[in-house]
Amino acid sequence: MGNTNAFLLQSNIDQVLMYLNSNSFDEFEFHQCSVSILSQLSLQELLELDSITIHRDKIQNLLNQLVRFNHHGMAASWFEQRTLDARIALNNTHLIFYLLRIKNDILDYVVNNTNLQKLVDTYKEIIDGSIINRLTVLRKELNDNVDLKNAFGLFLIYPKQEAINAFSAFITKYLNCNDPNEYAMDLLEQLESSFRKIGMGFIPHITADNYRNASLFNNFHSNFVVYKEVEAIINKRDFLAQKYPLSDLDSRFLLDFDREFSDPELVKSVIRSFFTKYFYTEDRVSAERYANVFIANISILPLTFEKHLLNNVRSTILKRIANKEILYRFVSLFYEFQATDSSENKKGKFIEILSAYIPSDILTKSSINNYIRRENVGKSLNDARIDVQKLFIQKTDSQ
């Protein structure tokens, strides 16, 4: 094989800088090429280019060619590309959160070029227009019916205290009509998802007067509800039962990672990789955090995580393993633990942990016992074991 280290992919910015570093073009060629270059760059790439200090004059000369473009058409095209999936997949509450986030990302830049600033302003106007239009629709939705998926939109629509009162009334009614243990988990998952979408520690109250303002992106005067306040509203009802996953399991079945595994850090690292690949695919940071919660849950060490977080992680796992392929891989994770670090005692622990963690209507204890103890299994489970083995190999090779 050839030397793969010599094969390097260059970013669009790097290619532009190489071109500008060349003195082999004349003024006419530069103006011709500039149109082609600028039409290929995203807004974020143009902003990054604008912030670069080397080749300063040439970069600014290039960006000045933006005057030759239809700013609204260019900005609208970027907006369509950036939000296409979100407009299909997200409800109005989460879409507004997402729009606020992409606008906030732009506000982080200091724009030096006048023509680029005009383009940025046009892009922000398109985002603002979409936000206020979606807000109008959301207001009608909330007037008609507040449900779990749009409830966090109350904080967008109403002033802080009014929104807190409305949200508190909603969860009281919601949890009185449903099983608290199950549906409180959904609320906490929506909490995490909402603040992840918006990318800020607060949810701004948006009106027809302020929707264009940069003041929506700071909370200096504490006018907007913050994560901890919403979490407190949810937790104060104590609708999360005192029980948590494995709380009824005899502690002798919990794992002592340092004593029972020859390489406990490898095992934990594989669990984190598994969570990233199968449970929290959209957010690596959350995946590793929740993997640590799960590791603590099955460990004999004293718990340092709150019960609602333990329940929240289990709720997510149960939703994911409704997919049989992921279920087989989850069980195979424990099979590989005992296969690579064999111990009859650990096999028994894995069976007890999994049968207590997974409801019997998803997988019975006898099935778990067979999956953990049997070497010869069907194709689906064998494929699952092979996939999990690859995680071990990847982690072992990286150490």
Protein backbone atom coordinates (compact mmCIF):
# COMPACT_ATOMS: atom_id res chain seq x y z
CA MET A 1 0.00 0.00 0.00
CA GLY A 2 1.07 3.58 -0.55
CA ASN A 3 1.90 6.06 2.15
CA THR A 4 -1.55 7.08 3.40
CA ASN A 5 -0.01 9.77 5.61
CA ALA A 6 0.80 11.74 2.47
CA PHE A 7 -2.89 11.85 1.47
CA LEU A 8 -4.38 14.95 3.07
CA LEU A 9 -7.76 16.51 2.33
CA GLN A 10 -7.64 20.29 2.15
CA SER A 11 -10.49 22.44 3.37
CA ASN A 12 -12.06 25.06 1.12
CA ILE A 13 -10.36 27.77 3.18
CA ASP A 14 -6.93 26.17 2.75
CA GLN A 15 -7.44 25.98 -1.01
CA VAL A 16 -8.45 29.65 -1.17
CA LEU A 17 -5.37 30.67 0.83
CA MET A 18 -3.13 28.64 -1.49
CA TYR A 19 -4.68 30.41 -4.46
CA LEU A 20 -4.24 33.83 -2.89
CA ASN A 21 -0.66 32.99 -2.01
CA SER A 22 0.05 32.43 -5.68
CA ASN A 23 1.17 35.42 -7.71
CA SER A 24 0.43 33.71 -11.00
CA PHE A 25 -2.90 35.45 -11.70
CA ASP A 26 -3.60 38.87 -13.16
CA GLU A 27 -6.41 41.24 -12.19
CA PHE A 28 -8.82 39.95 -14.84
CA GLU A 29 -8.27 36.35 -13.86
CA PHE A 30 -8.72 37.25 -10.19
CA HIS A 31 -12.12 38.83 -10.84
CA GLN A 32 -13.20 35.84 -12.91
CA CYS A 33 -12.05 33.29 -10.34
CA SER A 34 -13.49 35.22 -7.41
CA VAL A 35 -17.05 34.56 -8.59
CA SER A 36 -16.36 30.83 -8.76
CA ILE A 37 -14.64 30.81 -5.37
CA LEU A 38 -17.29 32.81 -3.52
CA SER A 39 -20.15 30.77 -4.94
CA GLN A 40 -18.60 27.59 -3.48
CA LEU A 41 -18.15 28.87 0.08
CA SER A 42 -20.67 28.67 2.89
CA LEU A 43 -21.43 31.67 5.08
CA GLN A 44 -19.40 30.16 7.93
CA GLU A 45 -16.44 29.75 5.58
CA LEU A 46 -16.73 33.36 4.40
CA LEU A 47 -16.81 34.52 8.02
CA GLU A 48 -13.77 32.41 8.80
CA LEU A 49 -11.97 33.82 5.77
CA ASP A 50 -12.83 37.35 6.86
CA SER A 51 -11.18 36.74 10.24
CA ILE A 52 -7.84 35.58 8.79
CA THR A 53 -5.04 38.13 9.03
CA ILE A 54 -2.57 36.72 6.49
CA HIS A 55 -3.09 37.89 2.90
CA ARG A 56 -5.36 40.53 4.43
CA ASP A 57 -5.61 42.79 1.40
CA LYS A 58 -6.17 39.94 -1.03
CA ILE A 59 -8.88 38.40 1.17
CA GLN A 60 -10.70 41.69 1.52
CA ASN A 61 -10.42 42.26 -2.23
CA LEU A 62 -11.93 38.81 -2.76
CA LEU A 63 -14.77 39.48 -0.33
CA ASN A 64 -15.45 42.82 -2.02
CA GLN A 65 -16.53 40.81 -5.05
CA LEU A 66 -19.63 39.81 -3.06
CA VAL A 67 -21.10 43.06 -4.37
CA ARG A 68 -21.58 41.23 -7.67
CA PHE A 69 -23.94 38.66 -6.08
CA ASN A 70 -27.65 38.72 -5.30
CA HIS A 71 -27.38 38.84 -1.52
CA HIS A 72 -30.93 37.73 -0.81
CA GLY A 73 -30.72 34.80 -3.23
CA MET A 74 -27.38 33.71 -1.81
CA ALA A 75 -28.55 33.98 1.82
CA ALA A 76 -31.85 32.24 1.07
CA SER A 77 -30.01 29.34 -0.56
CA TRP A 78 -27.77 28.95 2.51
CA PHE A 79 -30.80 29.07 4.79
CA GLU A 80 -32.64 26.40 2.79
CA GLN A 81 -29.62 24.08 2.86
CA ARG A 82 -28.89 24.65 6.57
CA THR A 83 -32.46 24.13 7.80
CA LEU A 84 -33.90 21.58 5.36
CA ASP A 85 -33.61 18.56 7.65
CA ALA A 86 -34.65 20.56 10.71
CA ARG A 87 -37.80 21.88 9.01
CA ILE A 88 -38.80 18.31 8.17
CA ALA A 89 -37.89 16.63 11.46
CA LEU A 90 -38.56 19.21 14.21
CA ASN A 91 -41.78 20.52 15.70
CA ASN A 92 -42.22 24.31 15.86
CA THR A 93 -40.83 24.64 19.38
CA HIS A 94 -37.61 22.79 18.58
CA LEU A 95 -37.30 24.43 15.19
CA ILE A 96 -37.37 27.88 16.80
CA PHE A 97 -34.72 26.69 19.26
CA TYR A 98 -32.62 25.53 16.31
CA LEU A 99 -33.07 28.82 14.43
CA LEU A 100 -32.01 30.77 17.50
CA ARG A 101 -28.90 28.64 17.72
CA ILE A 102 -27.80 29.18 14.11
CA LYS A 103 -28.36 32.92 14.47
CA ASN A 104 -26.37 32.98 17.70
CA ASP A 105 -23.51 31.19 15.94
CA ILE A 106 -23.30 34.10 13.48
CA LEU A 107 -23.38 36.72 16.22
CA ASP A 108 -20.14 35.28 17.60
CA TYR A 109 -18.26 36.65 14.57
CA VAL A 110 -16.88 40.17 14.20
CA VAL A 111 -17.32 41.02 10.50
CA ASN A 112 -14.65 43.22 8.94
CA ASN A 113 -15.81 43.39 5.34
CA THR A 114 -18.68 45.73 4.47
CA ASN A 115 -20.06 43.56 1.66
CA LEU A 116 -19.93 40.46 3.83
CA GLN A 117 -21.72 42.36 6.60
CA LYS A 118 -24.56 43.16 4.19
CA LEU A 119 -24.80 39.48 3.32
CA VAL A 120 -24.79 38.50 7.00
CA ASP A 121 -27.53 41.04 7.73
CA THR A 122 -29.64 39.57 4.93
CA TYR A 123 -29.12 36.06 6.31
CA LYS A 124 -30.15 37.20 9.79
CA GLU A 125 -33.27 38.85 8.36
CA ILE A 126 -34.28 35.54 6.76
CA ILE A 127 -33.72 33.70 10.06
CA ASP A 128 -35.68 36.38 11.94
CA GLY A 129 -38.56 36.11 9.48
CA SER A 130 -38.68 32.36 9.89
CA ILE A 131 -38.58 32.66 13.70
CA ILE A 132 -41.50 35.10 13.91
CA ASN A 133 -43.55 33.08 11.41
CA ARG A 134 -42.99 29.87 13.37
CA LEU A 135 -43.71 31.70 16.61
CA THR A 136 -47.13 32.75 15.28
CA VAL A 137 -47.95 29.13 14.45
CA LEU A 138 -46.62 27.92 17.81
CA ARG A 139 -48.77 30.45 19.70
CA LYS A 140 -51.88 29.03 18.01
CA GLU A 141 -50.77 25.46 18.76
CA LEU A 142 -50.30 26.26 22.44
CA ASN A 143 -53.65 28.02 22.62
CA ASP A 144 -55.30 24.92 21.15
CA ASN A 145 -53.41 22.29 23.13
CA VAL A 146 -50.22 22.04 25.19
CA ASP A 147 -48.53 18.65 24.88
CA LEU A 148 -45.20 17.16 25.84
CA LYS A 149 -43.54 18.05 22.53
CA ASN A 150 -44.43 21.74 22.50
CA ALA A 151 -44.64 22.51 26.25
CA PHE A 152 -41.17 24.08 26.38
CA GLY A 153 -42.42 26.55 23.77
CA LEU A 154 -44.40 28.23 26.58
CA PHE A 155 -41.14 29.92 27.61
CA LEU A 156 -40.77 31.37 24.10
CA ILE A 157 -44.31 32.75 24.05
CA TYR A 158 -44.93 34.15 27.54
CA PRO A 159 -43.00 36.37 29.98
CA LYS A 160 -40.93 34.40 32.47
CA GLN A 161 -43.27 34.11 35.46
CA GLU A 162 -46.35 33.61 33.33
CA ALA A 163 -44.55 30.87 31.41
CA ILE A 164 -43.40 29.19 34.63
CA ASN A 165 -46.99 29.17 35.92
CA ALA A 166 -48.32 27.76 32.64
CA PHE A 167 -45.59 25.12 32.46
CA SER A 168 -46.16 24.08 36.09
CA ALA A 169 -49.90 23.75 35.44
CA PHE A 170 -49.19 21.65 32.36
CA ILE A 171 -46.92 19.12 34.08
CA THR A 172 -49.34 18.82 37.02
CA LYS A 173 -52.18 17.98 34.66
CA TYR A 174 -49.97 15.82 32.46
CA LEU A 175 -48.60 13.69 35.27
CA ASN A 176 -52.00 13.30 36.92
CA CYS A 177 -53.22 11.72 33.69
CA ASN A 178 -50.24 9.41 33.16
CA ASP A 179 -47.94 7.09 35.02
CA PRO A 180 -45.54 9.48 36.80
CA ASN A 181 -42.54 7.17 36.67
CA GLU A 182 -42.76 6.66 32.93
CA TYR A 183 -43.81 10.12 31.78
CA ALA A 184 -41.58 12.13 34.08
CA MET A 185 -38.69 10.53 32.23
CA ASP A 186 -40.10 11.87 28.98
CA LEU A 187 -40.26 15.36 30.47
CA LEU A 188 -36.64 15.20 31.56
CA GLU A 189 -35.63 13.93 28.13
CA GLN A 190 -37.48 16.85 26.53
CA LEU A 191 -35.67 19.19 28.93
CA GLU A 192 -32.27 17.89 27.81
CA SER A 193 -33.28 17.91 24.16
CA SER A 194 -34.67 21.46 24.26
CA PHE A 195 -31.60 23.05 25.79
CA ARG A 196 -29.33 21.03 23.51
CA LYS A 197 -31.22 22.38 20.48
CA ILE A 198 -31.07 26.01 21.59
CA GLY A 199 -27.41 25.81 22.59
CA MET A 200 -27.84 28.30 25.46
CA GLY A 201 -28.51 27.95 29.17
CA PHE A 202 -31.80 29.84 28.92
CA ILE A 203 -34.90 30.16 26.73
CA PRO A 204 -35.67 33.74 25.61
CA HIS A 205 -39.15 35.22 25.63
CA ILE A 206 -39.71 36.36 22.02
CA THR A 207 -42.13 39.10 20.98
CA ALA A 208 -42.98 41.01 17.81
CA ASP A 209 -40.87 43.86 19.21
CA ASN A 210 -37.69 42.00 20.15
CA TYR A 211 -37.39 39.04 17.75
CA ARG A 212 -34.66 40.81 15.74
CA ASN A 213 -32.68 41.94 18.78
CA ALA A 214 -29.31 40.59 19.89
CA SER A 215 -30.61 40.97 23.47
CA LEU A 216 -32.36 37.62 23.02
CA PHE A 217 -28.95 35.99 23.28
CA ASN A 218 -27.99 37.23 26.73
CA ASN A 219 -29.72 36.92 30.06
CA PHE A 220 -27.93 39.66 31.98
CA HIS A 221 -31.13 40.78 33.72
CA SER A 222 -32.44 37.24 34.37
CA ASN A 223 -35.58 37.96 32.36
CA PHE A 224 -35.49 34.52 30.74
CA VAL A 225 -35.97 31.11 32.32
CA VAL A 226 -32.77 29.07 32.77
CA TYR A 227 -32.16 25.31 32.71
CA LYS A 228 -31.99 24.93 36.50
CA GLU A 229 -35.31 26.73 36.96
CA VAL A 230 -37.11 24.43 34.52
CA GLU A 231 -35.46 21.37 36.07
CA ALA A 232 -36.58 22.52 39.51
CA ILE A 233 -40.18 22.86 38.31
CA ILE A 234 -40.09 19.27 37.12
CA ASN A 235 -38.37 17.87 40.20
CA LYS A 236 -40.29 19.74 42.93
CA ARG A 237 -43.40 17.62 42.40
CA ASP A 238 -41.41 14.55 43.50
CA PHE A 239 -43.21 12.62 40.81
CA LEU A 240 -40.06 10.65 40.28
CA ALA A 241 -40.47 7.63 42.52
CA GLN A 242 -37.80 6.91 45.09
CA LYS A 243 -36.91 3.82 43.11
CA TYR A 244 -34.35 3.92 40.35
CA PRO A 245 -32.90 1.27 38.01
CA LEU A 246 -31.46 -1.67 39.97
CA SER A 247 -32.53 -0.16 43.31
CA ASP A 248 -34.18 -3.49 44.20
CA LEU A 249 -31.24 -5.58 43.01
CA ASP A 250 -29.17 -7.22 45.72
CA SER A 251 -25.89 -5.27 45.87
CA ARG A 252 -23.88 -8.49 45.61
CA PHE A 253 -24.85 -8.59 41.94
CA LEU A 254 -23.45 -5.13 41.19
CA LEU A 255 -20.02 -4.83 39.61
CA ASP A 256 -16.75 -3.94 41.28
CA PHE A 257 -14.95 -2.77 38.14
CA ASP A 258 -11.51 -2.42 39.69
CA ARG A 259 -11.56 -5.88 41.26
CA GLU A 260 -13.48 -7.87 38.67
CA PHE A 261 -11.90 -6.70 35.42
CA SER A 262 -8.25 -6.97 34.48
CA ASP A 263 -8.60 -3.71 32.51
CA PRO A 264 -11.53 -1.75 33.99
CA GLU A 265 -10.77 1.40 31.99
CA LEU A 266 -11.01 -0.55 28.73
CA VAL A 267 -14.42 -1.89 29.74
CA LYS A 268 -15.67 1.59 30.63
CA SER A 269 -14.25 3.00 27.40
CA VAL A 270 -16.10 0.36 25.37
CA ILE A 271 -19.36 1.22 27.17
CA ARG A 272 -18.87 4.91 26.29
CA SER A 273 -18.23 4.02 22.65
CA PHE A 274 -21.33 1.82 22.64
CA PHE A 275 -23.49 4.67 23.97
CA THR A 276 -22.10 7.00 21.30
CA LYS A 277 -22.79 4.52 18.50
CA TYR A 278 -26.20 3.20 19.55
CA PHE A 279 -27.92 5.28 22.24
CA TYR A 280 -26.96 8.96 21.85
CA THR A 281 -25.78 9.12 18.25
CA GLU A 282 -26.54 12.84 17.84
CA ASP A 283 -24.42 14.09 20.71
CA ARG A 284 -21.05 12.58 21.67
CA VAL A 285 -20.71 14.70 24.82
CA SER A 286 -24.11 13.57 26.13
CA ALA A 287 -23.33 9.99 25.12
CA GLU A 288 -20.20 9.88 27.27
CA ARG A 289 -21.92 11.62 30.16
CA TYR A 290 -24.84 9.20 30.17
CA ALA A 291 -22.52 6.23 29.72
CA ASN A 292 -20.85 7.31 32.96
CA VAL A 293 -24.29 7.41 34.59
CA PHE A 294 -24.97 3.86 33.41
CA ILE A 295 -21.55 2.66 34.59
CA ALA A 296 -22.25 4.14 38.03
CA ASN A 297 -25.70 2.50 38.05
CA ILE A 298 -24.31 -1.02 37.56
CA SER A 299 -21.35 -0.42 39.87
CA ILE A 300 -21.15 -1.32 43.54
CA LEU A 301 -19.69 2.09 44.39
CA PRO A 302 -21.99 4.63 46.10
CA LEU A 303 -24.12 6.52 43.56
CA THR A 304 -23.20 10.13 42.88
CA PHE A 305 -25.92 10.80 40.28
CA GLU A 306 -29.47 11.91 41.02
CA LYS A 307 -32.21 9.29 40.70
CA HIS A 308 -34.02 11.15 37.94
CA LEU A 309 -30.87 11.02 35.80
CA LEU A 310 -30.51 7.27 36.36
CA ASN A 311 -34.15 6.84 35.35
CA ASN A 312 -33.73 9.13 32.36
CA VAL A 313 -30.82 7.10 31.00
CA ARG A 314 -32.75 3.85 31.43
CA SER A 315 -35.76 5.37 29.66
CA THR A 316 -33.58 6.27 26.67
CA ILE A 317 -31.97 2.83 26.60
CA LEU A 318 -35.35 1.08 26.67
CA LYS A 319 -36.54 3.18 23.75
CA ARG A 320 -33.43 2.33 21.74
CA ILE A 321 -33.51 -1.42 22.45
CA ALA A 322 -37.07 -1.59 21.15
CA ASN A 323 -35.04 -2.06 17.96
CA LYS A 324 -34.09 -5.75 18.06
CA GLU A 325 -30.72 -5.18 16.43
CA ILE A 326 -29.72 -2.70 19.14
CA LEU A 327 -31.16 -5.00 21.85
CA TYR A 328 -28.96 -7.85 20.65
CA ARG A 329 -25.93 -5.58 20.65
CA PHE A 330 -26.69 -4.33 24.14
CA VAL A 331 -26.82 -7.89 25.51
CA SER A 332 -23.76 -8.80 23.42
CA LEU A 333 -21.88 -6.00 25.15
CA PHE A 334 -22.12 -7.97 28.39
CA TYR A 335 -21.39 -11.25 26.64
CA GLU A 336 -18.13 -9.78 25.35
CA PHE A 337 -17.25 -8.54 28.84
CA GLN A 338 -17.35 -12.09 30.17
CA ALA A 339 -15.88 -13.57 26.98
CA THR A 340 -12.79 -11.37 27.11
CA ASP A 341 -12.45 -11.47 30.91
CA SER A 342 -14.09 -14.79 31.74
CA SER A 343 -15.58 -15.48 35.13
CA GLU A 344 -18.58 -17.63 36.01
CA ASN A 345 -19.36 -15.24 38.84
CA LYS A 346 -19.54 -12.28 36.42
CA LYS A 347 -21.83 -14.22 34.07
CA GLY A 348 -24.33 -14.57 36.88
CA LYS A 349 -24.01 -10.86 37.71
CA PHE A 350 -24.55 -9.82 34.10
CA ILE A 351 -27.70 -11.95 33.91
CA GLU A 352 -29.08 -10.46 37.13
CA ILE A 353 -28.23 -6.88 36.08
CA LEU A 354 -29.76 -7.20 32.62
CA SER A 355 -32.90 -8.99 33.80
CA ALA A 356 -33.46 -6.26 36.44
CA TYR A 357 -32.69 -3.46 33.97
CA ILE A 358 -34.69 -4.75 30.98
CA PRO A 359 -38.42 -5.43 31.45
CA SER A 360 -39.43 -9.03 30.82
CA ASP A 361 -41.84 -8.00 28.05
CA ILE A 362 -38.78 -6.85 26.09
CA LEU A 363 -36.49 -9.73 27.00
CA THR A 364 -37.08 -12.53 29.53
CA LYS A 365 -34.54 -13.60 32.09
CA SER A 366 -34.29 -17.06 30.50
CA SER A 367 -33.46 -15.46 27.13
CA ILE A 368 -30.82 -13.27 28.75
CA ASN A 369 -29.36 -16.36 30.43
CA ASN A 370 -29.11 -18.12 27.06
CA TYR A 371 -27.60 -15.10 25.33
CA ILE A 372 -24.91 -14.67 27.99
CA ARG A 373 -24.02 -18.33 28.52
CA ARG A 374 -24.37 -19.89 25.06
CA GLU A 375 -21.53 -19.68 22.56
CA ASN A 376 -23.52 -20.99 19.59
CA VAL A 377 -26.33 -18.60 18.73
CA GLY A 378 -28.38 -17.56 15.70
CA LYS A 379 -27.14 -15.29 12.94
CA SER A 380 -28.70 -12.05 14.29
CA LEU A 381 -27.12 -12.43 17.72
CA ASN A 382 -23.83 -13.63 16.25
CA ASP A 383 -23.71 -10.54 13.99
CA ALA A 384 -24.37 -8.40 17.05
CA ARG A 385 -21.48 -10.03 18.90
CA ILE A 386 -19.15 -9.37 15.97
CA ASP A 387 -20.13 -5.67 15.94
CA VAL A 388 -19.42 -5.37 19.67
CA GLN A 389 -16.12 -7.23 19.27
CA LYS A 390 -15.08 -4.51 16.82
CA LEU A 391 -15.58 -1.88 19.54
CA PHE A 392 -13.25 -3.84 21.81
CA ILE A 393 -10.66 -4.17 19.06
CA GLN A 394 -10.83 -0.44 18.24
CA LYS A 395 -10.41 0.53 21.88
CA THR A 396 -7.65 -2.00 22.49
CA ASP A 397 -5.72 -0.77 19.44
CA SER A 398 -6.07 2.87 20.53
CA GLN A 399 -4.60 2.26 23.96
